[in-house]
Amino acid sequence: SGGGLVQSGGSVRLSCAASGRTFGVY
């Protein structure tokens, strides 16, 4: 999530949420 339209020079933060309990091993 977090994408979109932004002007040159701007900033965006993308997020990626994972399911499950073992995220820390990946």
mmCIF file of all heavy atoms, coordinates in Angstrom:
data_MODEL
# 
_entry.id   MODEL 
# 
loop_
_atom_site.group_PDB 
_atom_site.id 
_atom_site.type_symbol 
_atom_site.label_atom_id 
_atom_site.label_alt_id 
_atom_site.label_comp_id 
_atom_site.label_asym_id 
_atom_site.label_entity_id 
_atom_site.label_seq_id 
_atom_site.pdbx_PDB_ins_code 
_atom_site.Cartn_x 
_atom_site.Cartn_y 
_atom_site.Cartn_z 
_atom_site.occupancy 
_atom_site.B_iso_or_equiv 
_atom_site.pdbx_formal_charge 
_atom_site.auth_seq_id 
_atom_site.auth_comp_id 
_atom_site.auth_asym_id 
_atom_site.auth_atom_id 
_atom_site.pdbx_PDB_model_num 
ATOM 1   N N   . SER A 1 1  ? 0.853  -1.186  0.000   1.00 0.00 ? 1  SER A N   1 
ATOM 2   C CA  . SER A 1 1  ? 0.000  0.000   0.000   1.00 0.00 ? 1  SER A CA  1 
ATOM 3   C C   . SER A 1 1  ? 0.886  1.232   0.000   1.00 0.00 ? 1  SER A C   1 
ATOM 4   O O   . SER A 1 1  ? 2.099  1.140   0.246   1.00 0.00 ? 1  SER A O   1 
ATOM 5   C CB  . SER A 1 1  ? -0.927 -0.002  1.220   1.00 0.00 ? 1  SER A CB  1 
ATOM 6   O OG  . SER A 1 1  ? -0.181 0.019   2.418   1.00 0.00 ? 1  SER A OG  1 
ATOM 7   N N   . GLY A 1 2  ? 0.273  2.383   -0.281  1.00 0.00 ? 2  GLY A N   1 
ATOM 8   C CA  . GLY A 1 2  ? 0.990  3.643   -0.184  1.00 0.00 ? 2  GLY A CA  1 
ATOM 9   C C   . GLY A 1 2  ? 1.371  4.280   -1.500  1.00 0.00 ? 2  GLY A C   1 
ATOM 10  O O   . GLY A 1 2  ? 1.909  5.394   -1.515  1.00 0.00 ? 2  GLY A O   1 
ATOM 11  N N   . GLY A 1 3  ? 1.121  3.605   -2.601  1.00 0.00 ? 3  GLY A N   1 
ATOM 12  C CA  . GLY A 1 3  ? 1.466  4.186   -3.886  1.00 0.00 ? 3  GLY A CA  1 
ATOM 13  C C   . GLY A 1 3  ? 0.525  5.313   -4.276  1.00 0.00 ? 3  GLY A C   1 
ATOM 14  O O   . GLY A 1 3  ? -0.459 5.583   -3.594  1.00 0.00 ? 3  GLY A O   1 
ATOM 15  N N   . GLY A 1 4  ? 0.847  5.966   -5.383  1.00 0.00 ? 4  GLY A N   1 
ATOM 16  C CA  . GLY A 1 4  ? 0.003  7.047   -5.870  1.00 0.00 ? 4  GLY A CA  1 
ATOM 17  C C   . GLY A 1 4  ? 0.748  7.946   -6.813  1.00 0.00 ? 4  GLY A C   1 
ATOM 18  O O   . GLY A 1 4  ? 1.819  7.594   -7.327  1.00 0.00 ? 4  GLY A O   1 
ATOM 19  N N   . LEU A 1 5  ? 0.194  9.121   -7.021  1.00 0.00 ? 5  LEU A N   1 
ATOM 20  C CA  . LEU A 1 5  ? 0.785  10.120  -7.910  1.00 0.00 ? 5  LEU A CA  1 
ATOM 21  C C   . LEU A 1 5  ? 1.508  11.159  -7.070  1.00 0.00 ? 5  LEU A C   1 
ATOM 22  O O   . LEU A 1 5  ? 0.952  11.695  -6.110  1.00 0.00 ? 5  LEU A O   1 
ATOM 23  C CB  . LEU A 1 5  ? -0.321 10.779  -8.738  1.00 0.00 ? 5  LEU A CB  1 
ATOM 24  C CG  . LEU A 1 5  ? 0.101  11.922  -9.656  1.00 0.00 ? 5  LEU A CG  1 
ATOM 25  C CD1 . LEU A 1 5  ? 1.046  11.425  -10.738 1.00 0.00 ? 5  LEU A CD1 1 
ATOM 26  C CD2 . LEU A 1 5  ? -1.137 12.572  -10.279 1.00 0.00 ? 5  LEU A CD2 1 
ATOM 27  N N   . VAL A 1 6  ? 2.752  11.441  -7.424  1.00 0.00 ? 6  VAL A N   1 
ATOM 28  C CA  . VAL A 1 6  ? 3.553  12.397  -6.675  1.00 0.00 ? 6  VAL A CA  1 
ATOM 29  C C   . VAL A 1 6  ? 4.367  13.227  -7.658  1.00 0.00 ? 6  VAL A C   1 
ATOM 30  O O   . VAL A 1 6  ? 4.741  12.731  -8.738  1.00 0.00 ? 6  VAL A O   1 
ATOM 31  C CB  . VAL A 1 6  ? 4.460  11.677  -5.653  1.00 0.00 ? 6  VAL A CB  1 
ATOM 32  C CG1 . VAL A 1 6  ? 5.432  10.743  -6.333  1.00 0.00 ? 6  VAL A CG1 1 
ATOM 33  C CG2 . VAL A 1 6  ? 5.179  12.665  -4.758  1.00 0.00 ? 6  VAL A CG2 1 
ATOM 34  N N   . GLN A 1 7  ? 4.646  14.461  -7.299  1.00 0.00 ? 7  GLN A N   1 
ATOM 35  C CA  . GLN A 1 7  ? 5.441  15.326  -8.166  1.00 0.00 ? 7  GLN A CA  1 
ATOM 36  C C   . GLN A 1 7  ? 6.925  14.994  -8.033  1.00 0.00 ? 7  GLN A C   1 
ATOM 37  O O   . GLN A 1 7  ? 7.380  14.485  -6.993  1.00 0.00 ? 7  GLN A O   1 
ATOM 38  C CB  . GLN A 1 7  ? 5.210  16.785  -7.806  1.00 0.00 ? 7  GLN A CB  1 
ATOM 39  C CG  . GLN A 1 7  ? 3.835  17.301  -8.211  1.00 0.00 ? 7  GLN A CG  1 
ATOM 40  C CD  . GLN A 1 7  ? 3.718  18.804  -8.039  1.00 0.00 ? 7  GLN A CD  1 
ATOM 41  O OE1 . GLN A 1 7  ? 4.408  19.414  -7.236  1.00 0.00 ? 7  GLN A OE1 1 
ATOM 42  N NE2 . GLN A 1 7  ? 2.818  19.409  -8.816  1.00 0.00 ? 7  GLN A NE2 1 
ATOM 43  N N   . SER A 1 8  ? 7.653  15.293  -9.063  1.00 0.00 ? 8  SER A N   1 
ATOM 44  C CA  . SER A 1 8  ? 9.098  15.117  -9.038  1.00 0.00 ? 8  SER A CA  1 
ATOM 45  C C   . SER A 1 8  ? 9.689  15.878  -7.856  1.00 0.00 ? 8  SER A C   1 
ATOM 46  O O   . SER A 1 8  ? 9.310  17.019  -7.582  1.00 0.00 ? 8  SER A O   1 
ATOM 47  C CB  . SER A 1 8  ? 9.697  15.628  -10.347 1.00 0.00 ? 8  SER A CB  1 
ATOM 48  O OG  . SER A 1 8  ? 11.084 15.446  -10.369 1.00 0.00 ? 8  SER A OG  1 
ATOM 49  N N   . GLY A 1 9  ? 10.582 15.197  -7.134  1.00 0.00 ? 9  GLY A N   1 
ATOM 50  C CA  . GLY A 1 9  ? 11.170 15.781  -5.935  1.00 0.00 ? 9  GLY A CA  1 
ATOM 51  C C   . GLY A 1 9  ? 10.423 15.454  -4.661  1.00 0.00 ? 9  GLY A C   1 
ATOM 52  O O   . GLY A 1 9  ? 10.917 15.730  -3.563  1.00 0.00 ? 9  GLY A O   1 
ATOM 53  N N   . GLY A 1 10 ? 9.251  14.867  -4.802  1.00 0.00 ? 10 GLY A N   1 
ATOM 54  C CA  . GLY A 1 10 ? 8.429  14.544  -3.649  1.00 0.00 ? 10 GLY A CA  1 
ATOM 55  C C   . GLY A 1 10 ? 8.818  13.230  -2.990  1.00 0.00 ? 10 GLY A C   1 
ATOM 56  O O   . GLY A 1 10 ? 9.801  12.584  -3.373  1.00 0.00 ? 10 GLY A O   1 
ATOM 57  N N   . SER A 1 11 ? 8.005  12.847  -1.998  1.00 0.00 ? 11 SER A N   1 
ATOM 58  C CA  . SER A 1 11 ? 8.281  11.639  -1.218  1.00 0.00 ? 11 SER A CA  1 
ATOM 59  C C   . SER A 1 11 ? 7.033  10.786  -1.095  1.00 0.00 ? 11 SER A C   1 
ATOM 60  O O   . SER A 1 11 ? 5.909  11.293  -1.108  1.00 0.00 ? 11 SER A O   1 
ATOM 61  C CB  . SER A 1 11 ? 8.758  12.013  0.193   1.00 0.00 ? 11 SER A CB  1 
ATOM 62  O OG  . SER A 1 11 ? 9.957  12.737  0.158   1.00 0.00 ? 11 SER A OG  1 
ATOM 63  N N   . VAL A 1 12 ? 7.256  9.491   -0.972  1.00 0.00 ? 12 VAL A N   1 
ATOM 64  C CA  . VAL A 1 12 ? 6.194  8.516   -0.753  1.00 0.00 ? 12 VAL A CA  1 
ATOM 65  C C   . VAL A 1 12 ? 6.755  7.425   0.140   1.00 0.00 ? 12 VAL A C   1 
ATOM 66  O O   . VAL A 1 12 ? 7.932  7.071   0.028   1.00 0.00 ? 12 VAL A O   1 
ATOM 67  C CB  . VAL A 1 12 ? 5.718  7.902   -2.090  1.00 0.00 ? 12 VAL A CB  1 
ATOM 68  C CG1 . VAL A 1 12 ? 4.857  6.677   -1.857  1.00 0.00 ? 12 VAL A CG1 1 
ATOM 69  C CG2 . VAL A 1 12 ? 4.941  8.916   -2.909  1.00 0.00 ? 12 VAL A CG2 1 
ATOM 70  N N   . ARG A 1 13 ? 5.908  6.890   1.023   1.00 0.00 ? 13 ARG A N   1 
ATOM 71  C CA  . ARG A 1 13 ? 6.305  5.726   1.794   1.00 0.00 ? 13 ARG A CA  1 
ATOM 72  C C   . ARG A 1 13 ? 5.385  4.565   1.445   1.00 0.00 ? 13 ARG A C   1 
ATOM 73  O O   . ARG A 1 13 ? 4.167  4.657   1.607   1.00 0.00 ? 13 ARG A O   1 
ATOM 74  C CB  . ARG A 1 13 ? 6.257  5.979   3.299   1.00 0.00 ? 13 ARG A CB  1 
ATOM 75  C CG  . ARG A 1 13 ? 6.875  4.822   4.075   1.00 0.00 ? 13 ARG A CG  1 
ATOM 76  C CD  . ARG A 1 13 ? 6.966  5.069   5.563   1.00 0.00 ? 13 ARG A CD  1 
ATOM 77  N NE  . ARG A 1 13 ? 5.738  4.754   6.263   1.00 0.00 ? 13 ARG A NE  1 
ATOM 78  C CZ  . ARG A 1 13 ? 5.689  4.398   7.552   1.00 0.00 ? 13 ARG A CZ  1 
ATOM 79  N NH1 . ARG A 1 13 ? 6.815  4.309   8.247   1.00 0.00 ? 13 ARG A NH1 1 
ATOM 80  N NH2 . ARG A 1 13 ? 4.530  4.158   8.120   1.00 0.00 ? 13 ARG A NH2 1 
ATOM 81  N N   . LEU A 1 14 ? 5.999  3.495   1.006   1.00 0.00 ? 14 LEU A N   1 
ATOM 82  C CA  . LEU A 1 14 ? 5.264  2.263   0.722   1.00 0.00 ? 14 LEU A CA  1 
ATOM 83  C C   . LEU A 1 14 ? 5.325  1.335   1.931   1.00 0.00 ? 14 LEU A C   1 
ATOM 84  O O   . LEU A 1 14 ? 6.334  1.298   2.639   1.00 0.00 ? 14 LEU A O   1 
ATOM 85  C CB  . LEU A 1 14 ? 5.843  1.551   -0.491  1.00 0.00 ? 14 LEU A CB  1 
ATOM 86  C CG  . LEU A 1 14 ? 5.937  2.354   -1.781  1.00 0.00 ? 14 LEU A CG  1 
ATOM 87  C CD1 . LEU A 1 14 ? 6.498  1.472   -2.898  1.00 0.00 ? 14 LEU A CD1 1 
ATOM 88  C CD2 . LEU A 1 14 ? 4.611  2.954   -2.164  1.00 0.00 ? 14 LEU A CD2 1 
ATOM 89  N N   . SER A 1 15 ? 4.252  0.594   2.113   1.00 0.00 ? 15 SER A N   1 
ATOM 90  C CA  . SER A 1 15 ? 4.199  -0.420  3.170   1.00 0.00 ? 15 SER A CA  1 
ATOM 91  C C   . SER A 1 15 ? 3.862  -1.764  2.550   1.00 0.00 ? 15 SER A C   1 
ATOM 92  O O   . SER A 1 15 ? 3.161  -1.831  1.533   1.00 0.00 ? 15 SER A O   1 
ATOM 93  C CB  . SER A 1 15 ? 3.137  -0.071  4.212   1.00 0.00 ? 15 SER A CB  1 
ATOM 94  O OG  . SER A 1 15 ? 3.405  1.160   4.831   1.00 0.00 ? 15 SER A OG  1 
ATOM 95  N N   . CYS A 1 16 ? 4.336  -2.807  3.174   1.00 0.00 ? 16 CYS A N   1 
ATOM 96  C CA  . CYS A 1 16 ? 4.021  -4.170  2.748   1.00 0.00 ? 16 CYS A CA  1 
ATOM 97  C C   . CYS A 1 16 ? 3.721  -4.966  4.004   1.00 0.00 ? 16 CYS A C   1 
ATOM 98  O O   . CYS A 1 16 ? 4.623  -5.230  4.805   1.00 0.00 ? 16 CYS A O   1 
ATOM 99  C CB  . CYS A 1 16 ? 5.173  -4.770  1.976   1.00 0.00 ? 16 CYS A CB  1 
ATOM 100 S SG  . CYS A 1 16 ? 4.980  -6.529  1.598   1.00 0.00 ? 16 CYS A SG  1 
ATOM 101 N N   . ALA A 1 17 ? 2.458  -5.328  4.160   1.00 0.00 ? 17 ALA A N   1 
ATOM 102 C CA  . ALA A 1 17 ? 2.032  -6.085  5.330   1.00 0.00 ? 17 ALA A CA  1 
ATOM 103 C C   . ALA A 1 17 ? 1.984  -7.564  5.003   1.00 0.00 ? 17 ALA A C   1 
ATOM 104 O O   . ALA A 1 17 ? 1.461  -7.967  3.960   1.00 0.00 ? 17 ALA A O   1 
ATOM 105 C CB  . ALA A 1 17 ? 0.657  -5.606  5.777   1.00 0.00 ? 17 ALA A CB  1 
ATOM 106 N N   . ALA A 1 18 ? 2.532  -8.370  5.914   1.00 0.00 ? 18 ALA A N   1 
ATOM 107 C CA  . ALA A 1 18 ? 2.594  -9.811  5.696   1.00 0.00 ? 18 ALA A CA  1 
ATOM 108 C C   . ALA A 1 18 ? 1.702  -10.554 6.677   1.00 0.00 ? 18 ALA A C   1 
ATOM 109 O O   . ALA A 1 18 ? 1.570  -10.143 7.834   1.00 0.00 ? 18 ALA A O   1 
ATOM 110 C CB  . ALA A 1 18 ? 4.034  -10.293 5.847   1.00 0.00 ? 18 ALA A CB  1 
ATOM 111 N N   . SER A 1 19 ? 1.112  -11.614 6.207   1.00 0.00 ? 19 SER A N   1 
ATOM 112 C CA  . SER A 1 19 ? 0.316  -12.471 7.084   1.00 0.00 ? 19 SER A CA  1 
ATOM 113 C C   . SER A 1 19 ? 1.232  -13.455 7.800   1.00 0.00 ? 19 SER A C   1 
ATOM 114 O O   . SER A 1 19 ? 2.400  -13.621 7.438   1.00 0.00 ? 19 SER A O   1 
ATOM 115 C CB  . SER A 1 19 ? -0.714 -13.243 6.262   1.00 0.00 ? 19 SER A CB  1 
ATOM 116 O OG  . SER A 1 19 ? -0.057 -14.102 5.347   1.00 0.00 ? 19 SER A OG  1 
ATOM 117 N N   . GLY A 1 20 ? 0.697  -14.104 8.827   1.00 0.00 ? 20 GLY A N   1 
ATOM 118 C CA  . GLY A 1 20 ? 1.434  -15.160 9.477   1.00 0.00 ? 20 GLY A CA  1 
ATOM 119 C C   . GLY A 1 20 ? 2.259  -14.685 10.662  1.00 0.00 ? 20 GLY A C   1 
ATOM 120 O O   . GLY A 1 20 ? 2.375  -13.489 10.923  1.00 0.00 ? 20 GLY A O   1 
ATOM 121 N N   . ARG A 1 21 ? 2.838  -15.655 11.346  1.00 0.00 ? 21 ARG A N   1 
ATOM 122 C CA  . ARG A 1 21 ? 3.563  -15.372 12.582  1.00 0.00 ? 21 ARG A CA  1 
ATOM 123 C C   . ARG A 1 21 ? 5.066  -15.463 12.432  1.00 0.00 ? 21 ARG A C   1 
ATOM 124 O O   . ARG A 1 21 ? 5.785  -15.274 13.402  1.00 0.00 ? 21 ARG A O   1 
ATOM 125 C CB  . ARG A 1 21 ? 3.117  -16.357 13.658  1.00 0.00 ? 21 ARG A CB  1 
ATOM 126 C CG  . ARG A 1 21 ? 1.643  -16.294 13.985  1.00 0.00 ? 21 ARG A CG  1 
ATOM 127 C CD  . ARG A 1 21 ? 1.276  -17.290 15.067  1.00 0.00 ? 21 ARG A CD  1 
ATOM 128 N NE  . ARG A 1 21 ? -0.135 -17.223 15.422  1.00 0.00 ? 21 ARG A NE  1 
ATOM 129 C CZ  . ARG A 1 21 ? -0.696 -17.983 16.338  1.00 0.00 ? 21 ARG A CZ  1 
ATOM 130 N NH1 . ARG A 1 21 ? 0.027  -18.872 16.992  1.00 0.00 ? 21 ARG A NH1 1 
ATOM 131 N NH2 . ARG A 1 21 ? -1.981 -17.863 16.599  1.00 0.00 ? 21 ARG A NH2 1 
ATOM 132 N N   . THR A 1 22 ? 5.542  -15.772 11.219  1.00 0.00 ? 22 THR A N   1 
ATOM 133 C CA  . THR A 1 22 ? 6.965  -16.035 11.049  1.00 0.00 ? 22 THR A CA  1 
ATOM 134 C C   . THR A 1 22 ? 7.642  -14.987 10.188  1.00 0.00 ? 22 THR A C   1 
ATOM 135 O O   . THR A 1 22 ? 8.679  -15.242 9.594   1.00 0.00 ? 22 THR A O   1 
ATOM 136 C CB  . THR A 1 22 ? 7.166  -17.425 10.412  1.00 0.00 ? 22 THR A CB  1 
ATOM 137 O OG1 . THR A 1 22 ? 6.450  -17.484 9.178   1.00 0.00 ? 22 THR A OG1 1 
ATOM 138 C CG2 . THR A 1 22 ? 6.700  -18.510 11.345  1.00 0.00 ? 22 THR A CG2 1 
ATOM 139 N N   . PHE A 1 23 ? 7.094  -13.795 10.141  1.00 0.00 ? 23 PHE A N   1 
ATOM 140 C CA  . PHE A 1 23 ? 7.626  -12.736 9.282   1.00 0.00 ? 23 PHE A CA  1 
ATOM 141 C C   . PHE A 1 23 ? 9.103  -12.492 9.545   1.00 0.00 ? 23 PHE A C   1 
ATOM 142 O O   . PHE A 1 23 ? 9.882  -12.259 8.619   1.00 0.00 ? 23 PHE A O   1 
ATOM 143 C CB  . PHE A 1 23 ? 6.821  -11.459 9.505   1.00 0.00 ? 23 PHE A CB  1 
ATOM 144 C CG  . PHE A 1 23 ? 7.310  -10.275 8.742   1.00 0.00 ? 23 PHE A CG  1 
ATOM 145 C CD1 . PHE A 1 23 ? 7.099  -10.180 7.367   1.00 0.00 ? 23 PHE A CD1 1 
ATOM 146 C CD2 . PHE A 1 23 ? 7.978  -9.243  9.363   1.00 0.00 ? 23 PHE A CD2 1 
ATOM 147 C CE1 . PHE A 1 23 ? 7.544  -9.076  6.644   1.00 0.00 ? 23 PHE A CE1 1 
ATOM 148 C CE2 . PHE A 1 23 ? 8.425  -8.135  8.663   1.00 0.00 ? 23 PHE A CE2 1 
ATOM 149 C CZ  . PHE A 1 23 ? 8.212  -8.058  7.307   1.00 0.00 ? 23 PHE A CZ  1 
ATOM 150 N N   . GLY A 1 24 ? 9.519  -12.546 10.783  1.00 0.00 ? 24 GLY A N   1 
ATOM 151 C CA  . GLY A 1 24 ? 10.882 -12.223 11.147  1.00 0.00 ? 24 GLY A CA  1 
ATOM 152 C C   . GLY A 1 24 ? 11.936 -13.174 10.609  1.00 0.00 ? 24 GLY A C   1 
ATOM 153 O O   . GLY A 1 24 ? 13.124 -12.852 10.653  1.00 0.00 ? 24 GLY A O   1 
ATOM 154 N N   . VAL A 1 25 ? 11.541 -14.325 10.069  1.00 0.00 ? 25 VAL A N   1 
ATOM 155 C CA  . VAL A 1 25 ? 12.524 -15.257 9.519   1.00 0.00 ? 25 VAL A CA  1 
ATOM 156 C C   . VAL A 1 25 ? 12.750 -15.038 8.028   1.00 0.00 ? 25 VAL A C   1 
ATOM 157 O O   . VAL A 1 25 ? 13.592 -15.703 7.426   1.00 0.00 ? 25 VAL A O   1 
ATOM 158 C CB  . VAL A 1 25 ? 12.116 -16.729 9.765   1.00 0.00 ? 25 VAL A CB  1 
ATOM 159 C CG1 . VAL A 1 25 ? 11.862 -16.971 11.238  1.00 0.00 ? 25 VAL A CG1 1 
ATOM 160 C CG2 . VAL A 1 25 ? 10.909 -17.148 8.939   1.00 0.00 ? 25 VAL A CG2 1 
ATOM 161 N N   . TYR A 1 26 ? 12.003 -14.120 7.432   1.00 0.00 ? 26 TYR A N   1 
ATOM 162 C CA  . TYR A 1 26 ? 12.108 -13.914 5.984   1.00 0.00 ? 26 TYR A CA  1 
ATOM 163 C C   . TYR A 1 26 ? 12.971 -12.699 5.647   1.00 0.00 ? 26 TYR A C   1 
ATOM 164 O O   . TYR A 1 26 ? 12.710 -11.601 6.147   1.00 0.00 ? 26 TYR A O   1 
ATOM 165 C CB  . TYR A 1 26 ? 10.729 -13.690 5.362   1.00 0.00 ? 26 TYR A CB  1 
ATOM 166 C CG  . TYR A 1 26 ? 9.722  -14.782 5.627   1.00 0.00 ? 26 TYR A CG  1 
ATOM 167 C CD1 . TYR A 1 26 ? 8.399  -14.481 5.928   1.00 0.00 ? 26 TYR A CD1 1 
ATOM 168 C CD2 . TYR A 1 26 ? 10.089 -16.122 5.568   1.00 0.00 ? 26 TYR A CD2 1 
ATOM 169 C CE1 . TYR A 1 26 ? 7.465  -15.479 6.168   1.00 0.00 ? 26 TYR A CE1 1 
ATOM 170 C CE2 . TYR A 1 26 ? 9.165  -17.125 5.805   1.00 0.00 ? 26 TYR A CE2 1 
ATOM 171 C CZ  . TYR A 1 26 ? 7.856  -16.795 6.106   1.00 0.00 ? 26 TYR A CZ  1 
ATOM 172 O OH  . TYR A 1 26 ? 6.947  -17.795 6.341   1.00 0.00 ? 26 TYR A OH  1 
# 
